[in-house]
Each structure stands twice: as C-alpha cells, then as structure tokens.
Amino acid sequence: MTVHIQDSPALAYRRAGEAHDLAALAATLSEDVVFHSPLSATAEFRGKEQAVQLFSVVFDVLSDLRYHSDVGDDRTRALTATARLGDREIHEAAMVEVGEDGLLREITLWIRPLPALTALMAALGPGLARAAGRPAVSLLVAAAVKPLAAITALGDRTLVPLVTRAR
C-alpha cells in the first residue's frame, strides 16, 4: 500500500519505518528535523542528514518494527510500536511534531524495558560512530556499553524476580 505524505506525515513515517524504507522515511522529515534520543539527554540528531544516518544504523539492527497506535491531532502525534533486537522485544513510544511545511520537525523517542534499551545502545553506538567516520570511537563505545547491557540483562533475569515475586 502506498501512503502519500499529504495524507498523513505520521502515517507515512510509520509505513516507511515498518518497511525499512530509508528514502521514504527521509521524505517525511523536514530539513531541520531534530531527533531526541532515548539513550541520552545530550544525544540529539539535528538536520535531515544526521537523522537519516541514524535511521540507517537503526534499520540495520532492528527487525519486525510494527506500530500499534497513533493518536493526536494534525500537529502532534503519539506513536507506539514494538520491534526486535535479536531475541529481545523493544517497546517504543514516540512523539512526532509536524511543522508548517507538513513534514516532521521533531521526534522524541522513549524505549523500554531497560535491558532492551541498553542492548540497543550497545548495538547502535558503535555503528553510529563508524557512520560518523570515527572507527576508533566505535571500539571505545562498544567497550563502554556492552558491560552496561550485560549488567541490566542480568539484573532483569536475577534481581528483579527477587523483589517482585509474591512472598
């Protein structure tokens, strides 16, 4: 099914994401789009070029992206989705804001659960550093975030059940 951006920028964005169609996704973004990362308060991707580079890496690591809800008005939409990162299910919520030009001008993303978020950080960080032409930084990022992902996964499997099980 073809969805034209004139019908709904959020719908066109969702369909492009589900299809991993980078060109179609890029067509939904304004030139000065800002993407607010769920990984860090200081990680923003400014401008279409940076956002497309980000989504290129995201499409390499995520599979089975499916949007489940889309609520809001013609300027602000709240979207929810699930995706897979290897054997982990990721739940995401995004707020997308549409500019006067009918294109997405701001995207803010939240991801849960914490082990999936840290696994995503471990998967994306090195790829983003390589895409930015900083291969040495990709090694540093991988070394820094892989232990965090392992610790949160271990805590989810072993510690969380200890404090949430009925006595």
Protein backbone atom coordinates (compact mmCIF):
# COMPACT_ATOMS: atom_id res chain seq x y z
CA MET A 1 0.00 0.00 0.00
CA THR A 2 1.32 3.42 -0.89
CA VAL A 3 0.77 6.23 1.56
CA HIS A 4 1.37 9.76 0.39
CA ILE A 5 2.77 12.21 2.90
CA GLN A 6 -0.09 14.59 2.06
CA ASP A 7 -2.46 12.03 3.61
CA SER A 8 -0.62 11.96 6.93
CA PRO A 9 3.05 12.61 7.72
CA ALA A 10 2.86 10.31 10.77
CA LEU A 11 1.31 7.50 8.73
CA ALA A 12 3.95 7.90 6.01
CA TYR A 13 6.68 7.84 8.71
CA ARG A 14 5.20 4.70 10.29
CA ARG A 15 4.88 2.87 6.98
CA ALA A 16 8.42 3.82 5.94
CA GLY A 17 9.78 2.60 9.28
CA GLU A 18 7.94 -0.71 9.12
CA ALA A 19 9.24 -1.26 5.57
CA HIS A 20 12.79 -0.10 6.49
CA ASP A 21 12.46 2.24 3.51
CA LEU A 22 15.09 4.88 4.22
CA ALA A 23 14.21 7.06 1.21
CA ALA A 24 10.52 7.10 2.12
CA LEU A 25 11.34 7.88 5.74
CA ALA A 26 13.67 10.71 4.66
CA ALA A 27 10.80 12.18 2.61
CA THR A 28 8.78 12.64 5.84
CA LEU A 29 11.49 14.72 7.55
CA SER A 30 11.94 18.47 7.39
CA GLU A 31 15.45 19.74 6.59
CA ASP A 32 15.83 20.99 10.17
CA VAL A 33 14.30 17.97 11.93
CA VAL A 34 15.51 17.24 15.47
CA PHE A 35 15.55 13.68 16.79
CA HIS A 36 15.78 13.37 20.60
CA SER A 37 17.43 10.07 21.52
CA PRO A 38 16.05 7.82 24.25
CA LEU A 39 19.63 6.91 25.15
CA SER A 40 20.94 10.23 26.44
CA ALA A 41 19.66 13.69 27.23
CA THR A 42 22.62 15.08 25.28
CA ALA A 43 22.18 12.91 22.18
CA GLU A 44 20.28 14.84 19.56
CA PHE A 45 20.43 14.36 15.83
CA ARG A 46 19.91 17.69 14.11
CA GLY A 47 19.00 18.04 10.48
CA LYS A 48 17.79 15.59 7.90
CA GLU A 49 21.26 14.27 7.08
CA GLN A 50 22.02 13.26 10.68
CA ALA A 51 18.55 11.78 11.18
CA VAL A 52 18.79 9.69 8.01
CA GLN A 53 22.23 8.47 9.08
CA LEU A 54 20.73 7.46 12.44
CA PHE A 55 17.81 5.60 10.85
CA SER A 56 20.20 3.82 8.50
CA VAL A 57 22.00 2.32 11.51
CA VAL A 58 18.71 1.64 13.31
CA PHE A 59 17.35 -0.27 10.31
CA ASP A 60 20.49 -2.43 10.36
CA VAL A 61 19.91 -3.62 13.94
CA LEU A 62 16.11 -3.68 14.42
CA SER A 63 13.63 -6.04 12.85
CA ASP A 64 9.86 -6.54 12.94
CA LEU A 65 9.05 -2.90 13.63
CA ARG A 66 5.27 -2.63 13.99
CA TYR A 67 3.30 0.43 15.03
CA HIS A 68 0.27 -0.19 17.22
CA SER A 69 -1.19 3.20 17.99
CA ASP A 70 -1.18 6.66 16.56
CA VAL A 71 -3.12 9.32 18.46
CA GLY A 72 -3.14 13.09 18.44
CA ASP A 73 -4.01 15.92 16.13
CA ASP A 74 -2.66 17.25 12.84
CA ARG A 75 0.41 18.83 14.52
CA THR A 76 1.39 16.40 17.31
CA ARG A 77 1.12 12.61 17.20
CA ALA A 78 1.95 9.98 19.83
CA LEU A 79 3.00 6.66 18.32
CA THR A 80 3.65 3.30 19.98
CA ALA A 81 5.46 0.38 18.44
CA THR A 82 7.31 -2.84 19.10
CA ALA A 83 10.43 -4.11 17.39
CA ARG A 84 13.02 -6.83 17.81
CA LEU A 85 16.70 -6.50 18.57
CA GLY A 86 17.89 -10.06 18.19
CA ASP A 87 15.81 -12.06 20.66
CA ARG A 88 14.71 -9.01 22.68
CA GLU A 89 11.40 -7.26 22.23
CA ILE A 90 11.57 -3.49 22.40
CA HIS A 91 8.61 -1.24 23.17
CA GLU A 92 8.81 2.31 21.98
CA ALA A 93 6.75 5.44 22.29
CA ALA A 94 7.42 8.45 20.11
CA MET A 95 6.07 11.94 19.92
CA VAL A 96 6.30 13.43 16.45
CA GLU A 97 5.63 17.07 15.71
CA VAL A 98 4.63 18.25 12.26
CA GLY A 99 5.86 21.60 11.01
CA GLU A 100 4.03 24.17 8.90
CA ASP A 101 5.50 22.52 5.79
CA GLY A 102 3.67 19.25 6.60
CA LEU A 103 6.93 17.43 7.40
CA LEU A 104 8.16 16.03 10.71
CA ARG A 105 10.20 18.66 12.53
CA GLU A 106 10.74 16.95 15.86
CA ILE A 107 10.81 13.32 17.01
CA THR A 108 11.21 12.35 20.66
CA LEU A 109 11.59 8.64 21.43
CA TRP A 110 11.24 6.57 24.62
CA ILE A 111 12.15 2.87 24.88
CA ARG A 112 11.52 0.16 27.44
CA PRO A 113 12.39 -2.17 29.12
CA LEU A 114 15.78 -1.08 30.43
CA PRO A 115 17.65 -4.23 29.28
CA ALA A 116 16.34 -3.67 25.74
CA LEU A 117 17.35 0.00 25.89
CA THR A 118 20.91 -0.81 26.98
CA ALA A 119 21.13 -3.60 24.37
CA LEU A 120 20.01 -1.07 21.76
CA MET A 121 22.69 1.33 22.97
CA ALA A 122 25.29 -1.42 22.60
CA ALA A 123 24.05 -2.21 19.09
CA LEU A 124 23.72 1.38 17.85
CA GLY A 125 26.65 3.17 19.46
CA PRO A 126 29.47 1.52 17.52
CA GLY A 127 27.51 1.72 14.25
CA LEU A 128 26.82 5.41 14.72
CA ALA A 129 30.50 6.10 15.44
CA ARG A 130 31.52 4.20 12.30
CA ALA A 131 28.87 6.02 10.23
CA ALA A 132 30.29 9.32 11.51
CA GLY A 133 33.75 8.27 10.29
CA ARG A 134 35.13 7.59 13.78
CA PRO A 135 36.08 3.88 13.83
CA ALA A 136 38.32 4.21 16.90
CA VAL A 137 35.45 5.74 18.84
CA SER A 138 33.26 2.77 17.83
CA LEU A 139 35.66 0.47 19.72
CA LEU A 140 35.57 2.70 22.79
CA VAL A 141 31.76 2.94 22.72
CA ALA A 142 31.44 -0.84 22.37
CA ALA A 143 33.80 -1.43 25.30
CA ALA A 144 31.86 1.05 27.45
CA VAL A 145 28.28 -0.01 26.75
CA LYS A 146 28.48 -3.80 26.43
CA PRO A 147 29.05 -4.26 30.19
CA LEU A 148 26.09 -1.98 30.92
CA ALA A 149 23.87 -4.07 28.64
CA ALA A 150 25.09 -7.27 30.30
CA ILE A 151 24.52 -5.92 33.81
CA THR A 152 20.96 -4.74 33.08
CA ALA A 153 20.11 -8.08 31.42
CA LEU A 154 21.49 -9.99 34.41
CA GLY A 155 19.62 -7.76 36.84
CA ASP A 156 16.39 -8.24 34.91
CA ARG A 157 16.77 -12.03 34.98
CA THR A 158 18.01 -12.46 38.55
CA LEU A 159 17.40 -9.43 40.76
CA VAL A 160 14.04 -8.17 39.55
CA PRO A 161 12.30 -11.51 40.28
CA LEU A 162 13.67 -11.40 43.83
CA VAL A 163 11.88 -8.13 44.58
CA THR A 164 8.70 -8.64 42.54
CA ARG A 165 7.69 -12.23 43.41
CA ALA A 166 4.87 -12.72 45.84
CA ARG A 167 6.07 -13.94 49.24
